[in-house]
Amino acid sequence: MATIDECRTALDRLAQDLTHADGAVRGAAGLDRTLSCHVTDLDVTFTGRLAGGRLEVLDRVDGPPPERADVRLAMAGDDLVAVVGGELNFARAWASGRIRLEAGFRDLLRLRSLL
């Protein structure tokens, strides 16, 4: 089972990868949205903001998200680490229910290039 530190490191790596992205990925990362990532097996939530082509992880709270973010993810810590590391395909994990993603329809369309 992934630790809280490993999950935070994975999110920091994702943020770094987005900083160097180009094309459609860069455009999708250009959204200005709040995000939350609830790591279900650790029962912690990382909150942040996607803006200006950057992902900034702002806080970590115990339990489910304290506020409703524009883009909401929920998954096990191992899945978070595997998706960011390229070992788990996001679309397959989402289709199988291992990852939950909630966002407005327009945001989902723009985010598909990130995922």
PDB file of N, CA and C in Angstrom:
ATOM      1  N   MET A   1       0.845  -1.175   0.000  1.00  0.00           N
ATOM      2  CA  MET A   1       0.000   0.000   0.000  1.00  0.00           C
ATOM      3  C   MET A   1       0.896   1.246   0.000  1.00  0.00           C
ATOM      4  N   ALA A   2       0.574   2.176  -0.897  1.00  0.00           N
ATOM      5  CA  ALA A   2       1.340   3.421  -0.999  1.00  0.00           C
ATOM      6  C   ALA A   2       1.149   4.259   0.265  1.00  0.00           C
ATOM      7  N   THR A   3       2.163   4.996   0.617  1.00  0.00           N
ATOM      8  CA  THR A   3       2.104   5.874   1.786  1.00  0.00           C
ATOM      9  C   THR A   3       1.616   7.263   1.365  1.00  0.00           C
ATOM     10  N   ILE A   4       1.295   8.076   2.344  1.00  0.00           N
ATOM     11  CA  ILE A   4       0.889   9.456   2.069  1.00  0.00           C
ATOM     12  C   ILE A   4       2.019  10.196   1.358  1.00  0.00           C
ATOM     13  N   ASP A   5       3.256   9.980   1.795  1.00  0.00           N
ATOM     14  CA  ASP A   5       4.395  10.647   1.161  1.00  0.00           C
ATOM     15  C   ASP A   5       4.564  10.208  -0.288  1.00  0.00           C
ATOM     16  N   GLU A   6       4.358   8.931  -0.574  1.00  0.00           N
ATOM     17  CA  GLU A   6       4.459   8.447  -1.955  1.00  0.00           C
ATOM     18  C   GLU A   6       3.360   9.046  -2.826  1.00  0.00           C
ATOM     19  N   CYS A   7       2.175   9.206  -2.277  1.00  0.00           N
ATOM     20  CA  CYS A   7       1.077   9.826  -3.024  1.00  0.00           C
ATOM     21  C   CYS A   7       1.383  11.289  -3.299  1.00  0.00           C
ATOM     22  N   ARG A   8       1.897  11.994  -2.316  1.00  0.00           N
ATOM     23  CA  ARG A   8       2.259  13.404  -2.505  1.00  0.00           C
ATOM     24  C   ARG A   8       3.359  13.532  -3.544  1.00  0.00           C
ATOM     25  N   THR A   9       4.335  12.636  -3.501  1.00  0.00           N
ATOM     26  CA  THR A   9       5.412  12.648  -4.486  1.00  0.00           C
ATOM     27  C   THR A   9       4.867  12.407  -5.888  1.00  0.00           C
ATOM     28  N   ALA A  10       3.907  11.499  -6.017  1.00  0.00           N
ATOM     29  CA  ALA A  10       3.295  11.235  -7.320  1.00  0.00           C
ATOM     30  C   ALA A  10       2.572  12.477  -7.838  1.00  0.00           C
ATOM     31  N   LEU A  11       1.848  13.164  -6.978  1.00  0.00           N
ATOM     32  CA  LEU A  11       1.151  14.381  -7.399  1.00  0.00           C
ATOM     33  C   LEU A  11       2.145  15.480  -7.770  1.00  0.00           C
ATOM     34  N   ASP A  12       3.232  15.581  -7.037  1.00  0.00           N
ATOM     35  CA  ASP A  12       4.269  16.560  -7.371  1.00  0.00           C
ATOM     36  C   ASP A  12       4.901  16.225  -8.728  1.00  0.00           C
ATOM     37  N   ARG A  13       5.089  14.941  -8.998  1.00  0.00           N
ATOM     38  CA  ARG A  13       5.630  14.518 -10.291  1.00  0.00           C
ATOM     39  C   ARG A  13       4.659  14.862 -11.415  1.00  0.00           C
ATOM     40  N   LEU A  14       3.368  14.633 -11.195  1.00  0.00           N
ATOM     41  CA  LEU A  14       2.357  15.000 -12.183  1.00  0.00           C
ATOM     42  C   LEU A  14       2.396  16.502 -12.440  1.00  0.00           C
ATOM     43  N   ALA A  15       2.506  17.277 -11.381  1.00  0.00           N
ATOM     44  CA  ALA A  15       2.586  18.729 -11.523  1.00  0.00           C
ATOM     45  C   ALA A  15       3.808  19.124 -12.349  1.00  0.00           C
ATOM     46  N   GLN A  16       4.923  18.488 -12.099  1.00  0.00           N
ATOM     47  CA  GLN A  16       6.147  18.766 -12.848  1.00  0.00           C
ATOM     48  C   GLN A  16       5.988  18.380 -14.317  1.00  0.00           C
ATOM     49  N   ASP A  17       5.370  17.221 -14.579  1.00  0.00           N
ATOM     50  CA  ASP A  17       5.150  16.776 -15.955  1.00  0.00           C
ATOM     51  C   ASP A  17       4.267  17.762 -16.715  1.00  0.00           C
ATOM     52  N   LEU A  18       3.246  18.303 -16.059  1.00  0.00           N
ATOM     53  CA  LEU A  18       2.349  19.257 -16.714  1.00  0.00           C
ATOM     54  C   LEU A  18       3.073  20.555 -17.059  1.00  0.00           C
ATOM     55  N   THR A  19       4.041  20.928 -16.237  1.00  0.00           N
ATOM     56  CA  THR A  19       4.801  22.152 -16.477  1.00  0.00           C
ATOM     57  C   THR A  19       5.550  22.072 -17.804  1.00  0.00           C
ATOM     58  N   HIS A  20       5.973  20.875 -18.188  1.00  0.00           N
ATOM     59  CA  HIS A  20       6.762  20.688 -19.405  1.00  0.00           C
ATOM     60  C   HIS A  20       5.923  20.178 -20.576  1.00  0.00           C
ATOM     61  N   ALA A  21       4.612  20.089 -20.420  1.00  0.00           N
ATOM     62  CA  ALA A  21       3.738  19.571 -21.474  1.00  0.00           C
ATOM     63  C   ALA A  21       3.564  20.592 -22.592  1.00  0.00           C
ATOM     64  N   ASP A  22       3.149  20.080 -23.751  1.00  0.00           N
ATOM     65  CA  ASP A  22       2.851  20.976 -24.860  1.00  0.00           C
ATOM     66  C   ASP A  22       1.608  20.472 -25.591  1.00  0.00           C
ATOM     67  N   GLY A  23       1.195  21.179 -26.628  1.00  0.00           N
ATOM     68  CA  GLY A  23       0.070  20.764 -27.448  1.00  0.00           C
ATOM     69  C   GLY A  23      -1.237  20.705 -26.688  1.00  0.00           C
ATOM     70  N   ALA A  24      -2.023  19.657 -26.964  1.00  0.00           N
ATOM     71  CA  ALA A  24      -3.354  19.501 -26.364  1.00  0.00           C
ATOM     72  C   ALA A  24      -3.272  19.354 -24.850  1.00  0.00           C
ATOM     73  N   VAL A  25      -2.222  18.702 -24.379  1.00  0.00           N
ATOM     74  CA  VAL A  25      -2.069  18.536 -22.932  1.00  0.00           C
ATOM     75  C   VAL A  25      -1.884  19.902 -22.275  1.00  0.00           C
ATOM     76  N   ARG A  26      -1.083  20.727 -22.881  1.00  0.00           N
ATOM     77  CA  ARG A  26      -0.852  22.069 -22.333  1.00  0.00           C
ATOM     78  C   ARG A  26      -2.151  22.876 -22.327  1.00  0.00           C
ATOM     79  N   GLY A  27      -2.946  22.734 -23.394  1.00  0.00           N
ATOM     80  CA  GLY A  27      -4.230  23.432 -23.461  1.00  0.00           C
ATOM     81  C   GLY A  27      -5.179  22.981 -22.378  1.00  0.00           C
ATOM     82  N   ALA A  28      -5.245  21.673 -22.137  1.00  0.00           N
ATOM     83  CA  ALA A  28      -6.125  21.154 -21.084  1.00  0.00           C
ATOM     84  C   ALA A  28      -5.632  21.595 -19.717  1.00  0.00           C
ATOM     85  N   ALA A  29      -4.330  21.639 -19.562  1.00  0.00           N
ATOM     86  CA  ALA A  29      -3.771  22.069 -18.283  1.00  0.00           C
ATOM     87  C   ALA A  29      -3.986  23.558 -18.063  1.00  0.00           C
ATOM     88  N   GLY A  30      -4.374  24.269 -19.115  1.00  0.00           N
ATOM     89  CA  GLY A  30      -4.620  25.698 -19.017  1.00  0.00           C
ATOM     90  C   GLY A  30      -5.950  26.045 -18.375  1.00  0.00           C
ATOM     91  N   LEU A  31      -6.733  25.049 -18.028  1.00  0.00           N
ATOM     92  CA  LEU A  31      -7.980  25.298 -17.310  1.00  0.00           C
ATOM     93  C   LEU A  31      -7.687  26.001 -15.992  1.00  0.00           C
ATOM     94  N   ASP A  32      -8.657  26.691 -15.477  1.00  0.00           N
ATOM     95  CA  ASP A  32      -8.542  27.286 -14.143  1.00  0.00           C
ATOM     96  C   ASP A  32      -9.609  26.621 -13.286  1.00  0.00           C
ATOM     97  N   ARG A  33      -9.226  25.570 -12.583  1.00  0.00           N
ATOM     98  CA  ARG A  33     -10.173  24.770 -11.816  1.00  0.00           C
ATOM     99  C   ARG A  33      -9.566  24.322 -10.483  1.00  0.00           C
ATOM    100  N   THR A  34     -10.428  24.199  -9.493  1.00  0.00           N
ATOM    101  CA  THR A  34     -10.002  23.595  -8.238  1.00  0.00           C
ATOM    102  C   THR A  34     -10.049  22.083  -8.402  1.00  0.00           C
ATOM    103  N   LEU A  35      -9.176  21.380  -7.682  1.00  0.00           N
ATOM    104  CA  LEU A  35      -9.190  19.926  -7.737  1.00  0.00           C
ATOM    105  C   LEU A  35      -9.047  19.320  -6.366  1.00  0.00           C
ATOM    106  N   SER A  36      -9.547  18.085  -6.283  1.00  0.00           N
ATOM    107  CA  SER A  36      -9.319  17.285  -5.088  1.00  0.00           C
ATOM    108  C   SER A  36      -9.018  15.861  -5.529  1.00  0.00           C
ATOM    109  N   CYS A  37      -8.138  15.223  -4.795  1.00  0.00           N
ATOM    110  CA  CYS A  37      -7.795  13.824  -5.040  1.00  0.00           C
ATOM    111  C   CYS A  37      -7.897  13.097  -3.704  1.00  0.00           C
ATOM    112  N   HIS A  38      -8.979  12.329  -3.560  1.00  0.00           N
ATOM    113  CA  HIS A  38      -9.188  11.579  -2.324  1.00  0.00           C
ATOM    114  C   HIS A  38      -8.528  10.218  -2.478  1.00  0.00           C
ATOM    115  N   VAL A  39      -7.546   9.950  -1.631  1.00  0.00           N
ATOM    116  CA  VAL A  39      -6.867   8.658  -1.621  1.00  0.00           C
ATOM    117  C   VAL A  39      -7.649   7.785  -0.649  1.00  0.00           C
ATOM    118  N   THR A  40      -8.458   6.912  -1.222  1.00  0.00           N
ATOM    119  CA  THR A  40      -9.483   6.208  -0.444  1.00  0.00           C
ATOM    120  C   THR A  40      -8.921   5.271   0.613  1.00  0.00           C
ATOM    121  N   ASP A  41      -7.856   4.539   0.303  1.00  0.00           N
ATOM    122  CA  ASP A  41      -7.349   3.571   1.277  1.00  0.00           C
ATOM    123  C   ASP A  41      -6.611   4.241   2.432  1.00  0.00           C
ATOM    124  N   LEU A  42      -6.131   5.458   2.222  1.00  0.00           N
ATOM    125  CA  LEU A  42      -5.470   6.213   3.289  1.00  0.00           C
ATOM    126  C   LEU A  42      -6.406   7.223   3.940  1.00  0.00           C
ATOM    127  N   ASP A  43      -7.562   7.424   3.333  1.00  0.00           N
ATOM    128  CA  ASP A  43      -8.572   8.386   3.775  1.00  0.00           C
ATOM    129  C   ASP A  43      -7.976   9.774   4.002  1.00  0.00           C
ATOM    130  N   VAL A  44      -7.244  10.227   2.966  1.00  0.00           N
ATOM    131  CA  VAL A  44      -6.732  11.595   2.948  1.00  0.00           C
ATOM    132  C   VAL A  44      -7.096  12.213   1.600  1.00  0.00           C
ATOM    133  N   THR A  45      -7.192  13.518   1.592  1.00  0.00           N
ATOM    134  CA  THR A  45      -7.498  14.242   0.364  1.00  0.00           C
ATOM    135  C   THR A  45      -6.446  15.316   0.139  1.00  0.00           C
ATOM    136  N   PHE A  46      -5.925  15.340  -1.079  1.00  0.00           N
ATOM    137  CA  PHE A  46      -5.032  16.402  -1.503  1.00  0.00           C
ATOM    138  C   PHE A  46      -5.884  17.386  -2.286  1.00  0.00           C
ATOM    139  N   THR A  47      -5.747  18.653  -1.982  1.00  0.00           N
ATOM    140  CA  THR A  47      -6.483  19.685  -2.701  1.00  0.00           C
ATOM    141  C   THR A  47      -5.495  20.557  -3.451  1.00  0.00           C
ATOM    142  N   GLY A  48      -5.985  21.130  -4.533  1.00  0.00           N
ATOM    143  CA  GLY A  48      -5.095  21.959  -5.320  1.00  0.00           C
ATOM    144  C   GLY A  48      -5.839  22.760  -6.360  1.00  0.00           C
ATOM    145  N   ARG A  49      -5.073  23.295  -7.269  1.00  0.00           N
ATOM    146  CA  ARG A  49      -5.618  24.143  -8.324  1.00  0.00           C
ATOM    147  C   ARG A  49      -4.860  23.865  -9.612  1.00  0.00           C
ATOM    148  N   LEU A  50      -5.618  23.763 -10.689  1.00  0.00           N
ATOM    149  CA  LEU A  50      -5.073  23.656 -12.032  1.00  0.00           C
ATOM    150  C   LEU A  50      -5.286  25.012 -12.672  1.00  0.00           C
ATOM    151  N   ALA A  51      -4.208  25.710 -12.983  1.00  0.00           N
ATOM    152  CA  ALA A  51      -4.330  27.057 -13.546  1.00  0.00           C
ATOM    153  C   ALA A  51      -3.064  27.416 -14.299  1.00  0.00           C
ATOM    154  N   GLY A  52      -3.246  28.088 -15.413  1.00  0.00           N
ATOM    155  CA  GLY A  52      -2.111  28.579 -16.173  1.00  0.00           C
ATOM    156  C   GLY A  52      -1.140  27.504 -16.607  1.00  0.00           C
ATOM    157  N   GLY A  53      -1.649  26.303 -16.883  1.00  0.00           N
ATOM    158  CA  GLY A  53      -0.782  25.221 -17.312  1.00  0.00           C
ATOM    159  C   GLY A  53      -0.013  24.560 -16.197  1.00  0.00           C
ATOM    160  N   ARG A  54      -0.382  24.860 -14.963  1.00  0.00           N
ATOM    161  CA  ARG A  54       0.314  24.287 -13.811  1.00  0.00           C
ATOM    162  C   ARG A  54      -0.678  23.633 -12.853  1.00  0.00           C
ATOM    163  N   LEU A  55      -0.226  22.605 -12.203  1.00  0.00           N
ATOM    164  CA  LEU A  55      -0.976  21.974 -11.126  1.00  0.00           C
ATOM    165  C   LEU A  55      -0.252  22.303  -9.842  1.00  0.00           C
ATOM    166  N   GLU A  56      -0.968  22.915  -8.924  1.00  0.00           N
ATOM    167  CA  GLU A  56      -0.382  23.253  -7.634  1.00  0.00           C
ATOM    168  C   GLU A  56      -1.139  22.493  -6.550  1.00  0.00           C
ATOM    169  N   VAL A  57      -0.435  21.634  -5.837  1.00  0.00           N
ATOM    170  CA  VAL A  57      -1.019  20.923  -4.705  1.00  0.00           C
ATOM    171  C   VAL A  57      -0.917  21.855  -3.514  1.00  0.00           C
ATOM    172  N   LEU A  58      -2.067  22.214  -2.958  1.00  0.00           N
ATOM    173  CA  LEU A  58      -2.098  23.236  -1.918  1.00  0.00           C
ATOM    174  C   LEU A  58      -2.136  22.682  -0.502  1.00  0.00           C
ATOM    175  N   ASP A  59      -2.847  21.583  -0.311  1.00  0.00           N
ATOM    176  CA  ASP A  59      -3.079  21.144   1.064  1.00  0.00           C
ATOM    177  C   ASP A  59      -3.357  19.655   1.101  1.00  0.00           C
ATOM    178  N   ARG A  60      -3.261  19.083   2.286  1.00  0.00           N
ATOM    179  CA  ARG A  60      -3.662  17.712   2.539  1.00  0.00           C
ATOM    180  C   ARG A  60      -4.532  17.719   3.786  1.00  0.00           C
ATOM    181  N   VAL A  61      -5.692  17.075   3.677  1.00  0.00           N
ATOM    182  CA  VAL A  61      -6.601  16.998   4.818  1.00  0.00           C
ATOM    183  C   VAL A  61      -6.981  15.548   5.050  1.00  0.00           C
ATOM    184  N   ASP A  62      -7.261  15.223   6.278  1.00  0.00           N
ATOM    185  CA  ASP A  62      -7.737  13.883   6.595  1.00  0.00           C
ATOM    186  C   ASP A  62      -9.190  13.751   6.176  1.00  0.00           C
ATOM    187  N   GLY A  63      -9.545  12.592   5.667  1.00  0.00           N
ATOM    188  CA  GLY A  63     -10.928  12.313   5.292  1.00  0.00           C
ATOM    189  C   GLY A  63     -11.248  12.734   3.871  1.00  0.00           C
ATOM    190  N   PRO A  64     -12.534  12.723   3.573  1.00  0.00           N
ATOM    191  CA  PRO A  64     -12.975  13.107   2.225  1.00  0.00           C
ATOM    192  C   PRO A  64     -12.790  14.604   1.996  1.00  0.00           C
ATOM    193  N   PRO A  65     -12.953  15.045   0.745  1.00  0.00           N
ATOM    194  CA  PRO A  65     -12.750  16.479   0.452  1.00  0.00           C
ATOM    195  C   PRO A  65     -13.643  17.360   1.314  1.00  0.00           C
ATOM    196  N   PRO A  66     -13.073  18.401   1.892  1.00  0.00           N
ATOM    197  CA  PRO A  66     -13.870  19.279   2.753  1.00  0.00           C
ATOM    198  C   PRO A  66     -14.819  20.168   1.958  1.00  0.00           C
ATOM    199  N   GLU A  67     -14.485  20.445   0.705  1.00  0.00           N
ATOM    200  CA  GLU A  67     -15.313  21.277  -0.164  1.00  0.00           C
ATOM    201  C   GLU A  67     -15.409  20.604  -1.520  1.00  0.00           C
ATOM    202  N   ARG A  68     -16.433  20.939  -2.265  1.00  0.00           N
ATOM    203  CA  ARG A  68     -16.623  20.361  -3.589  1.00  0.00           C
ATOM    204  C   ARG A  68     -15.728  21.094  -4.595  1.00  0.00           C
ATOM    205  N   ALA A  69     -14.735  20.390  -5.102  1.00  0.00           N
ATOM    206  CA  ALA A  69     -13.838  20.957  -6.098  1.00  0.00           C
ATOM    207  C   ALA A  69     -14.461  20.838  -7.484  1.00  0.00           C
ATOM    208  N   ASP A  70     -13.959  21.619  -8.428  1.00  0.00           N
ATOM    209  CA  ASP A  70     -14.450  21.548  -9.804  1.00  0.00           C
ATOM    210  C   ASP A  70     -14.155  20.190 -10.432  1.00  0.00           C
ATOM    211  N   VAL A  71     -12.973  19.642 -10.136  1.00  0.00           N
ATOM    212  CA  VAL A  71     -12.553  18.335 -10.645  1.00  0.00           C
ATOM    213  C   VAL A  71     -12.226  17.478  -9.432  1.00  0.00           C
ATOM    214  N   ARG A  72     -12.907  16.324  -9.337  1.00  0.00           N
ATOM    215  CA  ARG A  72     -12.771  15.464  -8.171  1.00  0.00           C
ATOM    216  C   ARG A  72     -12.320  14.070  -8.590  1.00  0.00           C
ATOM    217  N   LEU A  73     -11.228  13.618  -8.014  1.00  0.00           N
ATOM    218  CA  LEU A  73     -10.705  12.280  -8.244  1.00  0.00           C
ATOM    219  C   LEU A  73     -10.756  11.496  -6.943  1.00  0.00           C
ATOM    220  N   ALA A  74     -10.947  10.199  -7.065  1.00  0.00           N
ATOM    221  CA  ALA A  74     -10.872   9.311  -5.903  1.00  0.00           C
ATOM    222  C   ALA A  74     -10.289   7.986  -6.371  1.00  0.00           C
ATOM    223  N   MET A  75      -9.302   7.497  -5.632  1.00  0.00           N
ATOM    224  CA  MET A  75      -8.649   6.239  -5.989  1.00  0.00           C
ATOM    225  C   MET A  75      -7.778   5.776  -4.828  1.00  0.00           C
ATOM    226  N   ALA A  76      -7.340   4.533  -4.921  1.00  0.00           N
ATOM    227  CA  ALA A  76      -6.397   4.004  -3.939  1.00  0.00           C
ATOM    228  C   ALA A  76      -5.016   4.608  -4.192  1.00  0.00           C
ATOM    229  N   GLY A  77      -4.212   4.670  -3.158  1.00  0.00           N
ATOM    230  CA  GLY A  77      -2.874   5.235  -3.276  1.00  0.00           C
ATOM    231  C   GLY A  77      -2.005   4.504  -4.285  1.00  0.00           C
ATOM    232  N   ASP A  78      -2.072   3.174  -4.299  1.00  0.00           N
ATOM    233  CA  ASP A  78      -1.289   2.404  -5.261  1.00  0.00           C
ATOM    234  C   ASP A  78      -1.672   2.753  -6.693  1.00  0.00           C
ATOM    235  N   ASP A  79      -2.967   2.986  -6.919  1.00  0.00           N
ATOM    236  CA  ASP A  79      -3.419   3.350  -8.267  1.00  0.00           C
ATOM    237  C   ASP A  79      -2.924   4.735  -8.659  1.00  0.00           C
ATOM    238  N   LEU A  80      -2.917   5.667  -7.730  1.00  0.00           N
ATOM    239  CA  LEU A  80      -2.400   7.014  -8.001  1.00  0.00           C
ATOM    240  C   LEU A  80      -0.939   6.936  -8.416  1.00  0.00           C
ATOM    241  N   VAL A  81      -0.152   6.226  -7.641  1.00  0.00           N
ATOM    242  CA  VAL A  81       1.277   6.095  -7.929  1.00  0.00           C
ATOM    243  C   VAL A  81       1.485   5.393  -9.280  1.00  0.00           C
ATOM    244  N   ALA A  82       0.694   4.355  -9.564  1.00  0.00           N
ATOM    245  CA  ALA A  82       0.838   3.603 -10.816  1.00  0.00           C
ATOM    246  C   ALA A  82       0.417   4.426 -12.036  1.00  0.00           C
ATOM    247  N   VAL A  83      -0.638   5.218 -11.921  1.00  0.00           N
ATOM    248  CA  VAL A  83      -1.074   6.048 -13.044  1.00  0.00           C
ATOM    249  C   VAL A  83      -0.016   7.096 -13.367  1.00  0.00           C
ATOM    250  N   VAL A  84       0.470   7.784 -12.359  1.00  0.00           N
ATOM    251  CA  VAL A  84       1.472   8.823 -12.590  1.00  0.00           C
ATOM    252  C   VAL A  84       2.771   8.207 -13.106  1.00  0.00           C
ATOM    253  N   GLY A  85       3.095   7.012 -12.638  1.00  0.00           N
ATOM    254  CA  GLY A  85       4.312   6.332 -13.083  1.00  0.00           C
ATOM    255  C   GLY A  85       4.185   5.664 -14.439  1.00  0.00           C
ATOM    256  N   GLY A  86       2.997   5.696 -15.030  1.00  0.00           N
ATOM    257  CA  GLY A  86       2.795   5.098 -16.346  1.00  0.00           C
ATOM    258  C   GLY A  86       2.583   3.608 -16.335  1.00  0.00           C
ATOM    259  N   GLU A  87       2.397   3.018 -15.163  1.00  0.00           N
ATOM    260  CA  GLU A  87       2.203   1.574 -15.049  1.00  0.00           C
ATOM    261  C   GLU A  87       0.738   1.168 -15.117  1.00  0.00           C
ATOM    262  N   LEU A  88      -0.170   2.119 -14.984  1.00  0.00           N
ATOM    263  CA  LEU A  88      -1.605   1.861 -15.021  1.00  0.00           C
ATOM    264  C   LEU A  88      -2.238   2.870 -15.965  1.00  0.00           C
ATOM    265  N   ASN A  89      -3.009   2.374 -16.922  1.00  0.00           N
ATOM    266  CA  ASN A  89      -3.692   3.237 -17.875  1.00  0.00           C
ATOM    267  C   ASN A  89      -4.893   3.888 -17.199  1.00  0.00           C
ATOM    268  N   PHE A  90      -4.929   5.222 -17.209  1.00  0.00           N
ATOM    269  CA  PHE A  90      -6.001   5.945 -16.532  1.00  0.00           C
ATOM    270  C   PHE A  90      -7.367   5.559 -17.080  1.00  0.00           C
ATOM    271  N   ALA A  91      -7.514   5.544 -18.393  1.00  0.00           N
ATOM    272  CA  ALA A  91      -8.820   5.271 -19.004  1.00  0.00           C
ATOM    273  C   ALA A  91      -9.342   3.890 -18.614  1.00  0.00           C
ATOM    274  N   ARG A  92      -8.474   2.895 -18.622  1.00  0.00           N
ATOM    275  CA  ARG A  92      -8.909   1.541 -18.235  1.00  0.00           C
ATOM    276  C   ARG A  92      -9.271   1.483 -16.750  1.00  0.00           C
ATOM    277  N   ALA A  93      -8.475   2.147 -15.928  1.00  0.00           N
ATOM    278  CA  ALA A  93      -8.761   2.158 -14.490  1.00  0.00           C
ATOM    279  C   ALA A  93     -10.070   2.891 -14.210  1.00  0.00           C
ATOM    280  N   TRP A  94     -10.328   3.959 -14.933  1.00  0.00           N
ATOM    281  CA  TRP A  94     -11.579   4.706 -14.776  1.00  0.00           C
ATOM    282  C   TRP A  94     -12.760   3.869 -15.249  1.00  0.00           C
ATOM    283  N   ALA A  95     -12.612   3.220 -16.403  1.00  0.00           N
ATOM    284  CA  ALA A  95     -13.699   2.398 -16.952  1.00  0.00           C
ATOM    285  C   ALA A  95     -14.021   1.213 -16.047  1.00  0.00           C
ATOM    286  N   SER A  96     -13.028   0.698 -15.356  1.00  0.00           N
ATOM    287  CA  SER A  96     -13.256  -0.454 -14.482  1.00  0.00           C
ATOM    288  C   SER A  96     -13.709  -0.052 -13.080  1.00  0.00           C
ATOM    289  N   GLY A  97     -13.740   1.258 -12.793  1.00  0.00           N
ATOM    290  CA  GLY A  97     -14.186   1.724 -11.485  1.00  0.00           C
ATOM    291  C   GLY A  97     -13.089   1.851 -10.443  1.00  0.00           C
ATOM    292  N   ARG A  98     -11.857   1.587 -10.821  1.00  0.00           N
ATOM    293  CA  ARG A  98     -10.754   1.733  -9.856  1.00  0.00           C
ATOM    294  C   ARG A  98     -10.487   3.193  -9.545  1.00  0.00           C
ATOM    295  N   ILE A  99     -10.785   4.057 -10.503  1.00  0.00           N
ATOM    296  CA  ILE A  99     -10.618   5.490 -10.331  1.00  0.00           C
ATOM    297  C   ILE A  99     -11.955   6.155 -10.593  1.00  0.00           C
ATOM    298  N   ARG A 100     -12.330   7.064  -9.714  1.00  0.00           N
ATOM    299  CA  ARG A 100     -13.546   7.867  -9.930  1.00  0.00           C
ATOM    300  C   ARG A 100     -13.126   9.280 -10.304  1.00  0.00           C
ATOM    301  N   LEU A 101     -13.762   9.803 -11.329  1.00  0.00           N
ATOM    302  CA  LEU A 101     -13.521  11.160 -11.780  1.00  0.00           C
ATOM    303  C   LEU A 101     -14.860  11.844 -11.939  1.00  0.00           C
ATOM    304  N   GLU A 102     -15.011  12.976 -11.284  1.00  0.00           N
ATOM    305  CA  GLU A 102     -16.230  13.762 -11.394  1.00  0.00           C
ATOM    306  C   GLU A 102     -15.843  15.181 -11.768  1.00  0.00           C
ATOM    307  N   ALA A 103     -16.508  15.700 -12.788  1.00  0.00           N
ATOM    308  CA  ALA A 103     -16.283  17.069 -13.242  1.00  0.00           C
ATOM    309  C   ALA A 103     -17.430  17.422 -14.168  1.00  0.00           C
ATOM    310  N   GLY A 104     -17.557  18.685 -14.485  1.00  0.00           N
ATOM    311  CA  GLY A 104     -18.549  19.105 -15.454  1.00  0.00           C
ATOM    312  C   GLY A 104     -18.223  18.526 -16.824  1.00  0.00           C
ATOM    313  N   PHE A 105     -19.236  18.409 -17.659  1.00  0.00           N
ATOM    314  CA  PHE A 105     -19.062  17.801 -18.978  1.00  0.00           C
ATOM    315  C   PHE A 105     -17.999  18.527 -19.804  1.00  0.00           C
ATOM    316  N   ARG A 106     -18.031  19.832 -19.823  1.00  0.00           N
ATOM    317  CA  ARG A 106     -17.034  20.594 -20.598  1.00  0.00           C
ATOM    318  C   ARG A 106     -15.624  20.361 -20.059  1.00  0.00           C
ATOM    319  N   ASP A 107     -15.497  20.281 -18.752  1.00  0.00           N
ATOM    320  CA  ASP A 107     -14.179  20.012 -18.163  1.00  0.00           C
ATOM    321  C   ASP A 107     -13.709  18.611 -18.541  1.00  0.00           C
ATOM    322  N   LEU A 108     -14.605  17.635 -18.522  1.00  0.00           N
ATOM    323  CA  LEU A 108     -14.229  16.269 -18.900  1.00  0.00           C
ATOM    324  C   LEU A 108     -13.704  16.228 -20.332  1.00  0.00           C
ATOM    325  N   LEU A 109     -14.360  16.954 -21.221  1.00  0.00           N
ATOM    326  CA  LEU A 109     -13.894  16.974 -22.602  1.00  0.00           C
ATOM    327  C   LEU A 109     -12.490  17.567 -22.722  1.00  0.00           C
ATOM    328  N   ARG A 110     -12.235  18.622 -21.991  1.00  0.00           N
ATOM    329  CA  ARG A 110     -10.906  19.252 -22.050  1.00  0.00           C
ATOM    330  C   ARG A 110      -9.857  18.429 -21.317  1.00  0.00           C
ATOM    331  N   LEU A 111     -10.263  17.741 -20.264  1.00  0.00           N
ATOM    332  CA  LEU A 111      -9.307  16.964 -19.472  1.00  0.00           C
ATOM    333  C   LEU A 111      -8.914  15.654 -20.136  1.00  0.00           C
ATOM    334  N   ARG A 112      -9.662  15.192 -21.113  1.00  0.00           N
ATOM    335  CA  ARG A 112      -9.377  13.870 -21.694  1.00  0.00           C
ATOM    336  C   ARG A 112      -7.961  13.767 -22.236  1.00  0.00           C
ATOM    337  N   SER A 113      -7.397  14.865 -22.722  1.00  0.00           N
ATOM    338  CA  SER A 113      -6.018  14.802 -23.229  1.00  0.00           C
ATOM    339  C   SER A 113      -4.992  14.652 -22.099  1.00  0.00           C
ATOM    340  N   LEU A 114      -5.356  15.074 -20.906  1.00  0.00           N
ATOM    341  CA  LEU A 114      -4.471  14.889 -19.759  1.00  0.00           C
ATOM    342  C   LEU A 114      -4.483  13.448 -19.276  1.00  0.00           C
ATOM    343  N   LEU A 115      -5.605  12.792 -19.480  1.00  0.00           N
ATOM    344  CA  LEU A 115      -5.808  11.488 -18.896  1.00  0.00           C
ATOM    345  C   LEU A 115      -5.491  10.401 -19.892  1.00  0.00           C
TER     346      LEU A 115
END
